[in-house]
């Protein structure tokens, strides 16, 4: 499961960098590369969002490993 955690974390970091670019420069890298709300970009947004939701479980795992 560690590979899935690393993959999910990498995708969420890429999503965070994309939001940083949107916030500072109004430049959406995903839309630039894959098209503005094309089906590919929507899938990428959905995968990044699902990975973010999955990583919420890290809080429980971190908490349980500290005790």
PDB file of N, CA and C in Angstrom:
ATOM      1  N   UNK A   1       0.817  -1.193   0.000  1.00  0.00           N
ATOM      2  CA  UNK A   1       0.000   0.000   0.000  1.00  0.00           C
ATOM      3  C   UNK A   1       0.865   1.262   0.000  1.00  0.00           C
ATOM      4  N   UNK A   2       2.155   1.107   0.334  1.00  0.00           N
ATOM      5  CA  UNK A   2       3.031   2.268   0.374  1.00  0.00           C
ATOM      6  C   UNK A   2       3.174   2.900  -1.009  1.00  0.00           C
ATOM      7  N   UNK A   3       3.187   2.099  -2.069  1.00  0.00           N
ATOM      8  CA  UNK A   3       3.310   2.664  -3.417  1.00  0.00           C
ATOM      9  C   UNK A   3       2.090   3.512  -3.757  1.00  0.00           C
ATOM     10  N   UNK A   4       0.919   3.087  -3.276  1.00  0.00           N
ATOM     11  CA  UNK A   4      -0.300   3.855  -3.537  1.00  0.00           C
ATOM     12  C   UNK A   4      -0.270   5.172  -2.765  1.00  0.00           C
ATOM     13  N   UNK A   5       0.221   5.130  -1.532  1.00  0.00           N
ATOM     14  CA  UNK A   5       0.364   6.363  -0.749  1.00  0.00           C
ATOM     15  C   UNK A   5       1.297   7.342  -1.453  1.00  0.00           C
ATOM     16  N   UNK A   6       2.422   6.841  -1.939  1.00  0.00           N
ATOM     17  CA  UNK A   6       3.387   7.707  -2.630  1.00  0.00           C
ATOM     18  C   UNK A   6       2.813   8.266  -3.927  1.00  0.00           C
ATOM     19  N   UNK A   7       2.101   7.455  -4.673  1.00  0.00           N
ATOM     20  CA  UNK A   7       1.489   7.908  -5.914  1.00  0.00           C
ATOM     21  C   UNK A   7       0.419   8.957  -5.634  1.00  0.00           C
ATOM     22  N   UNK A   8      -0.418   8.693  -4.652  1.00  0.00           N
ATOM     23  CA  UNK A   8      -1.473   9.646  -4.296  1.00  0.00           C
ATOM     24  C   UNK A   8      -0.868  10.959  -3.822  1.00  0.00           C
ATOM     25  N   UNK A   9       0.182  10.880  -3.008  1.00  0.00           N
ATOM     26  CA  UNK A   9       0.824  12.094  -2.517  1.00  0.00           C
ATOM     27  C   UNK A   9       1.445  12.889  -3.653  1.00  0.00           C
ATOM     28  N   UNK A  10       2.063  12.211  -4.601  1.00  0.00           N
ATOM     29  CA  UNK A  10       2.656  12.881  -5.761  1.00  0.00           C
ATOM     30  C   UNK A  10       1.591  13.597  -6.581  1.00  0.00           C
ATOM     31  N   UNK A  11       0.467  12.931  -6.830  1.00  0.00           N
ATOM     32  CA  UNK A  11      -0.607  13.555  -7.604  1.00  0.00           C
ATOM     33  C   UNK A  11      -1.211  14.750  -6.882  1.00  0.00           C
ATOM     34  N   UNK A  12      -1.341  14.655  -5.569  1.00  0.00           N
ATOM     35  CA  UNK A  12      -1.885  15.783  -4.810  1.00  0.00           C
ATOM     36  C   UNK A  12      -0.904  16.951  -4.813  1.00  0.00           C
ATOM     37  N   UNK A  13       0.388  16.676  -4.754  1.00  0.00           N
ATOM     38  CA  UNK A  13       1.387  17.750  -4.838  1.00  0.00           C
ATOM     39  C   UNK A  13       1.331  18.420  -6.200  1.00  0.00           C
ATOM     40  N   UNK A  14       1.202  17.638  -7.264  1.00  0.00           N
ATOM     41  CA  UNK A  14       1.066  18.215  -8.607  1.00  0.00           C
ATOM     42  C   UNK A  14      -0.189  19.075  -8.676  1.00  0.00           C
ATOM     43  N   UNK A  15      -1.287  18.603  -8.089  1.00  0.00           N
ATOM     44  CA  UNK A  15      -2.514  19.396  -8.051  1.00  0.00           C
ATOM     45  C   UNK A  15      -2.339  20.680  -7.266  1.00  0.00           C
ATOM     46  N   UNK A  16      -1.586  20.611  -6.172  1.00  0.00           N
ATOM     47  CA  UNK A  16      -1.343  21.813  -5.375  1.00  0.00           C
ATOM     48  C   UNK A  16      -0.511  22.826  -6.149  1.00  0.00           C
ATOM     49  N   UNK A  17       0.483  22.349  -6.894  1.00  0.00           N
ATOM     50  CA  UNK A  17       1.291  23.252  -7.719  1.00  0.00           C
ATOM     51  C   UNK A  17       0.417  23.880  -8.804  1.00  0.00           C
ATOM     52  N   UNK A  18      -0.487  23.096  -9.377  1.00  0.00           N
ATOM     53  CA  UNK A  18      -1.396  23.635 -10.378  1.00  0.00           C
ATOM     54  C   UNK A  18      -2.255  24.748  -9.774  1.00  0.00           C
ATOM     55  N   UNK A  19      -2.780  24.527  -8.565  1.00  0.00           N
ATOM     56  CA  UNK A  19      -3.587  25.566  -7.917  1.00  0.00           C
ATOM     57  C   UNK A  19      -2.749  26.789  -7.561  1.00  0.00           C
ATOM     58  N   UNK A  20      -1.484  26.579  -7.222  1.00  0.00           N
ATOM     59  CA  UNK A  20      -0.586  27.708  -6.978  1.00  0.00           C
ATOM     60  C   UNK A  20      -0.433  28.545  -8.241  1.00  0.00           C
ATOM     61  N   UNK A  21      -0.250  27.873  -9.370  1.00  0.00           N
ATOM     62  CA  UNK A  21      -0.137  28.584 -10.645  1.00  0.00           C
ATOM     63  C   UNK A  21      -1.428  29.327 -10.982  1.00  0.00           C
ATOM     64  N   UNK A  22      -2.569  28.716 -10.699  1.00  0.00           N
ATOM     65  CA  UNK A  22      -3.855  29.374 -10.944  1.00  0.00           C
ATOM     66  C   UNK A  22      -3.987  30.594 -10.039  1.00  0.00           C
ATOM     67  N   UNK A  23      -3.625  30.455  -8.786  1.00  0.00           N
ATOM     68  CA  UNK A  23      -3.784  31.542  -7.837  1.00  0.00           C
ATOM     69  C   UNK A  23      -2.864  32.727  -8.088  1.00  0.00           C
ATOM     70  N   UNK A  24      -1.630  32.446  -8.495  1.00  0.00           N
ATOM     71  CA  UNK A  24      -0.663  33.526  -8.675  1.00  0.00           C
ATOM     72  C   UNK A  24      -0.698  34.093 -10.094  1.00  0.00           C
ATOM     73  N   UNK A  25      -0.717  33.214 -11.086  1.00  0.00           N
ATOM     74  CA  UNK A  25      -0.565  33.652 -12.472  1.00  0.00           C
ATOM     75  C   UNK A  25      -1.816  33.487 -13.331  1.00  0.00           C
ATOM     76  N   UNK A  26      -2.910  32.950 -12.741  1.00  0.00           N
ATOM     77  CA  UNK A  26      -4.118  32.627 -13.516  1.00  0.00           C
ATOM     78  C   UNK A  26      -3.792  31.702 -14.694  1.00  0.00           C
ATOM     79  N   UNK A  27      -2.909  30.748 -14.443  1.00  0.00           N
ATOM     80  CA  UNK A  27      -2.473  29.805 -15.467  1.00  0.00           C
ATOM     81  C   UNK A  27      -2.789  28.393 -14.990  1.00  0.00           C
ATOM     82  N   UNK A  28      -3.720  27.731 -15.662  1.00  0.00           N
ATOM     83  CA  UNK A  28      -4.105  26.364 -15.322  1.00  0.00           C
ATOM     84  C   UNK A  28      -3.304  25.414 -16.207  1.00  0.00           C
ATOM     85  N   UNK A  29      -2.308  24.770 -15.624  1.00  0.00           N
ATOM     86  CA  UNK A  29      -1.413  23.896 -16.376  1.00  0.00           C
ATOM     87  C   UNK A  29      -2.145  22.700 -16.978  1.00  0.00           C
ATOM     88  N   UNK A  30      -3.074  22.119 -16.224  1.00  0.00           N
ATOM     89  CA  UNK A  30      -3.819  20.967 -16.731  1.00  0.00           C
ATOM     90  C   UNK A  30      -4.659  21.365 -17.942  1.00  0.00           C
ATOM     91  N   UNK A  31      -5.335  22.496 -17.843  1.00  0.00           N
ATOM     92  CA  UNK A  31      -6.148  22.968 -18.974  1.00  0.00           C
ATOM     93  C   UNK A  31      -5.264  23.335 -20.155  1.00  0.00           C
ATOM     94  N   UNK A  32      -4.089  23.869 -19.890  1.00  0.00           N
ATOM     95  CA  UNK A  32      -3.166  24.230 -20.970  1.00  0.00           C
ATOM     96  C   UNK A  32      -2.687  22.990 -21.718  1.00  0.00           C
ATOM     97  N   UNK A  33      -2.362  21.947 -20.978  1.00  0.00           N
ATOM     98  CA  UNK A  33      -1.814  20.730 -21.598  1.00  0.00           C
ATOM     99  C   UNK A  33      -2.906  19.879 -22.238  1.00  0.00           C
ATOM    100  N   UNK A  34      -4.048  19.721 -21.550  1.00  0.00           N
ATOM    101  CA  UNK A  34      -5.068  18.769 -21.997  1.00  0.00           C
ATOM    102  C   UNK A  34      -6.332  19.417 -22.543  1.00  0.00           C
ATOM    103  N   UNK A  35      -6.425  20.721 -22.507  1.00  0.00           N
ATOM    104  CA  UNK A  35      -7.624  21.400 -23.001  1.00  0.00           C
ATOM    105  C   UNK A  35      -8.513  21.831 -21.859  1.00  0.00           C
ATOM    106  N   UNK A  36      -9.219  22.926 -22.071  1.00  0.00           N
ATOM    107  CA  UNK A  36     -10.062  23.493 -21.027  1.00  0.00           C
ATOM    108  C   UNK A  36     -11.303  22.631 -20.817  1.00  0.00           C
ATOM    109  N   UNK A  37     -11.338  21.927 -19.717  1.00  0.00           N
ATOM    110  CA  UNK A  37     -12.422  21.024 -19.325  1.00  0.00           C
ATOM    111  C   UNK A  37     -12.735  19.966 -20.392  1.00  0.00           C
ATOM    112  N   UNK A  38     -11.690  19.482 -21.041  1.00  0.00           N
ATOM    113  CA  UNK A  38     -11.870  18.325 -21.912  1.00  0.00           C
ATOM    114  C   UNK A  38     -12.095  17.109 -21.028  1.00  0.00           C
ATOM    115  N   UNK A  39     -12.475  15.997 -21.592  1.00  0.00           N
ATOM    116  CA  UNK A  39     -12.740  14.812 -20.785  1.00  0.00           C
ATOM    117  C   UNK A  39     -11.462  14.328 -20.114  1.00  0.00           C
ATOM    118  N   UNK A  40     -10.297  14.511 -20.745  1.00  0.00           N
ATOM    119  CA  UNK A  40      -9.030  14.090 -20.124  1.00  0.00           C
ATOM    120  C   UNK A  40      -8.724  14.961 -18.908  1.00  0.00           C
ATOM    121  N   UNK A  41      -8.879  16.269 -19.039  1.00  0.00           N
ATOM    122  CA  UNK A  41      -8.587  17.147 -17.902  1.00  0.00           C
ATOM    123  C   UNK A  41      -9.570  16.917 -16.764  1.00  0.00           C
ATOM    124  N   UNK A  42     -10.823  16.620 -17.080  1.00  0.00           N
ATOM    125  CA  UNK A  42     -11.805  16.328 -16.030  1.00  0.00           C
ATOM    126  C   UNK A  42     -11.447  15.046 -15.295  1.00  0.00           C
ATOM    127  N   UNK A  43     -10.945  14.047 -16.015  1.00  0.00           N
ATOM    128  CA  UNK A  43     -10.494  12.805 -15.370  1.00  0.00           C
ATOM    129  C   UNK A  43      -9.306  13.086 -14.463  1.00  0.00           C
ATOM    130  N   UNK A  44      -8.373  13.917 -14.923  1.00  0.00           N
ATOM    131  CA  UNK A  44      -7.212  14.258 -14.105  1.00  0.00           C
ATOM    132  C   UNK A  44      -7.649  14.983 -12.841  1.00  0.00           C
ATOM    133  N   UNK A  45      -8.544  15.964 -12.975  1.00  0.00           N
ATOM    134  CA  UNK A  45      -9.049  16.673 -11.791  1.00  0.00           C
ATOM    135  C   UNK A  45      -9.724  15.697 -10.826  1.00  0.00           C
ATOM    136  N   UNK A  46     -10.502  14.767 -11.348  1.00  0.00           N
ATOM    137  CA  UNK A  46     -11.196  13.799 -10.495  1.00  0.00           C
ATOM    138  C   UNK A  46     -10.209  12.879  -9.788  1.00  0.00           C
ATOM    139  N   UNK A  47      -9.183  12.416 -10.477  1.00  0.00           N
ATOM    140  CA  UNK A  47      -8.185  11.533  -9.866  1.00  0.00           C
ATOM    141  C   UNK A  47      -7.429  12.267  -8.765  1.00  0.00           C
ATOM    142  N   UNK A  48      -7.039  13.504  -9.027  1.00  0.00           N
ATOM    143  CA  UNK A  48      -6.339  14.290  -8.004  1.00  0.00           C
ATOM    144  C   UNK A  48      -7.249  14.505  -6.791  1.00  0.00           C
ATOM    145  N   UNK A  49      -8.510  14.802  -7.028  1.00  0.00           N
ATOM    146  CA  UNK A  49      -9.456  14.976  -5.925  1.00  0.00           C
ATOM    147  C   UNK A  49      -9.655  13.700  -5.120  1.00  0.00           C
ATOM    148  N   UNK A  50      -9.764  12.567  -5.795  1.00  0.00           N
ATOM    149  CA  UNK A  50      -9.913  11.292  -5.098  1.00  0.00           C
ATOM    150  C   UNK A  50      -8.667  10.958  -4.287  1.00  0.00           C
ATOM    151  N   UNK A  51      -7.500  11.275  -4.833  1.00  0.00           N
ATOM    152  CA  UNK A  51      -6.258  11.047  -4.089  1.00  0.00           C
ATOM    153  C   UNK A  51      -6.217  11.922  -2.842  1.00  0.00           C
ATOM    154  N   UNK A  52      -6.689  13.159  -2.964  1.00  0.00           N
ATOM    155  CA  UNK A  52      -6.757  14.031  -1.796  1.00  0.00           C
ATOM    156  C   UNK A  52      -7.675  13.469  -0.723  1.00  0.00           C
ATOM    157  N   UNK A  53      -8.824  12.952  -1.138  1.00  0.00           N
ATOM    158  CA  UNK A  53      -9.740  12.339  -0.170  1.00  0.00           C
ATOM    159  C   UNK A  53      -9.116  11.103   0.463  1.00  0.00           C
ATOM    160  N   UNK A  54      -8.418  10.308  -0.337  1.00  0.00           N
ATOM    161  CA  UNK A  54      -7.743   9.122   0.201  1.00  0.00           C
ATOM    162  C   UNK A  54      -6.691   9.508   1.235  1.00  0.00           C
ATOM    163  N   UNK A  55      -5.960  10.589   0.978  1.00  0.00           N
ATOM    164  CA  UNK A  55      -4.885  10.983   1.882  1.00  0.00           C
ATOM    165  C   UNK A  55      -5.400  11.506   3.214  1.00  0.00           C
ATOM    166  N   UNK A  56      -6.683  11.796   3.316  1.00  0.00           N
ATOM    167  CA  UNK A  56      -7.254  12.143   4.622  1.00  0.00           C
ATOM    168  C   UNK A  56      -7.034  10.990   5.596  1.00  0.00           C
ATOM    169  N   UNK A  57      -7.034   9.765   5.095  1.00  0.00           N
ATOM    170  CA  UNK A  57      -6.815   8.601   5.965  1.00  0.00           C
ATOM    171  C   UNK A  57      -5.415   8.593   6.571  1.00  0.00           C
ATOM    172  N   UNK A  58      -4.480   9.377   6.015  1.00  0.00           N
ATOM    173  CA  UNK A  58      -3.137   9.438   6.588  1.00  0.00           C
ATOM    174  C   UNK A  58      -3.154   9.999   8.000  1.00  0.00           C
ATOM    175  N   UNK A  59      -4.089  10.899   8.280  1.00  0.00           N
ATOM    176  CA  UNK A  59      -4.177  11.446   9.628  1.00  0.00           C
ATOM    177  C   UNK A  59      -4.395  10.328  10.649  1.00  0.00           C
ATOM    178  N   UNK A  60      -5.289   9.421  10.353  1.00  0.00           N
ATOM    179  CA  UNK A  60      -5.538   8.300  11.254  1.00  0.00           C
ATOM    180  C   UNK A  60      -4.348   7.382  11.374  1.00  0.00           C
ATOM    181  N   UNK A  61      -3.667   7.137  10.263  1.00  0.00           N
ATOM    182  CA  UNK A  61      -2.506   6.263  10.294  1.00  0.00           C
ATOM    183  C   UNK A  61      -1.338   6.891  11.040  1.00  0.00           C
ATOM    184  N   UNK A  62      -1.153   8.189  10.876  1.00  0.00           N
ATOM    185  CA  UNK A  62      -0.084   8.883  11.583  1.00  0.00           C
ATOM    186  C   UNK A  62      -0.382   8.896  13.088  1.00  0.00           C
ATOM    187  N   UNK A  63      -1.634   9.178  13.419  1.00  0.00           N
ATOM    188  CA  UNK A  63      -2.035   9.213  14.824  1.00  0.00           C
ATOM    189  C   UNK A  63      -1.856   7.858  15.487  1.00  0.00           C
ATOM    190  N   UNK A  64      -2.246   6.781  14.813  1.00  0.00           N
ATOM    191  CA  UNK A  64      -2.159   5.457  15.402  1.00  0.00           C
ATOM    192  C   UNK A  64      -0.706   4.975  15.501  1.00  0.00           C
ATOM    193  N   UNK A  65       0.176   5.436  14.622  1.00  0.00           N
ATOM    194  CA  UNK A  65       1.568   5.005  14.698  1.00  0.00           C
ATOM    195  C   UNK A  65       2.342   5.749  15.771  1.00  0.00           C
ATOM    196  N   UNK A  66       1.843   6.900  16.223  1.00  0.00           N
ATOM    197  CA  UNK A  66       2.508   7.673  17.273  1.00  0.00           C
ATOM    198  C   UNK A  66       2.215   7.108  18.657  1.00  0.00           C
ATOM    199  N   UNK A  67       1.168   6.346  18.796  1.00  0.00           N
ATOM    200  CA  UNK A  67       0.809   5.854  20.129  1.00  0.00           C
ATOM    201  C   UNK A  67       1.387   4.509  20.389  1.00  0.00           C
TER     202      UNK A  67
END
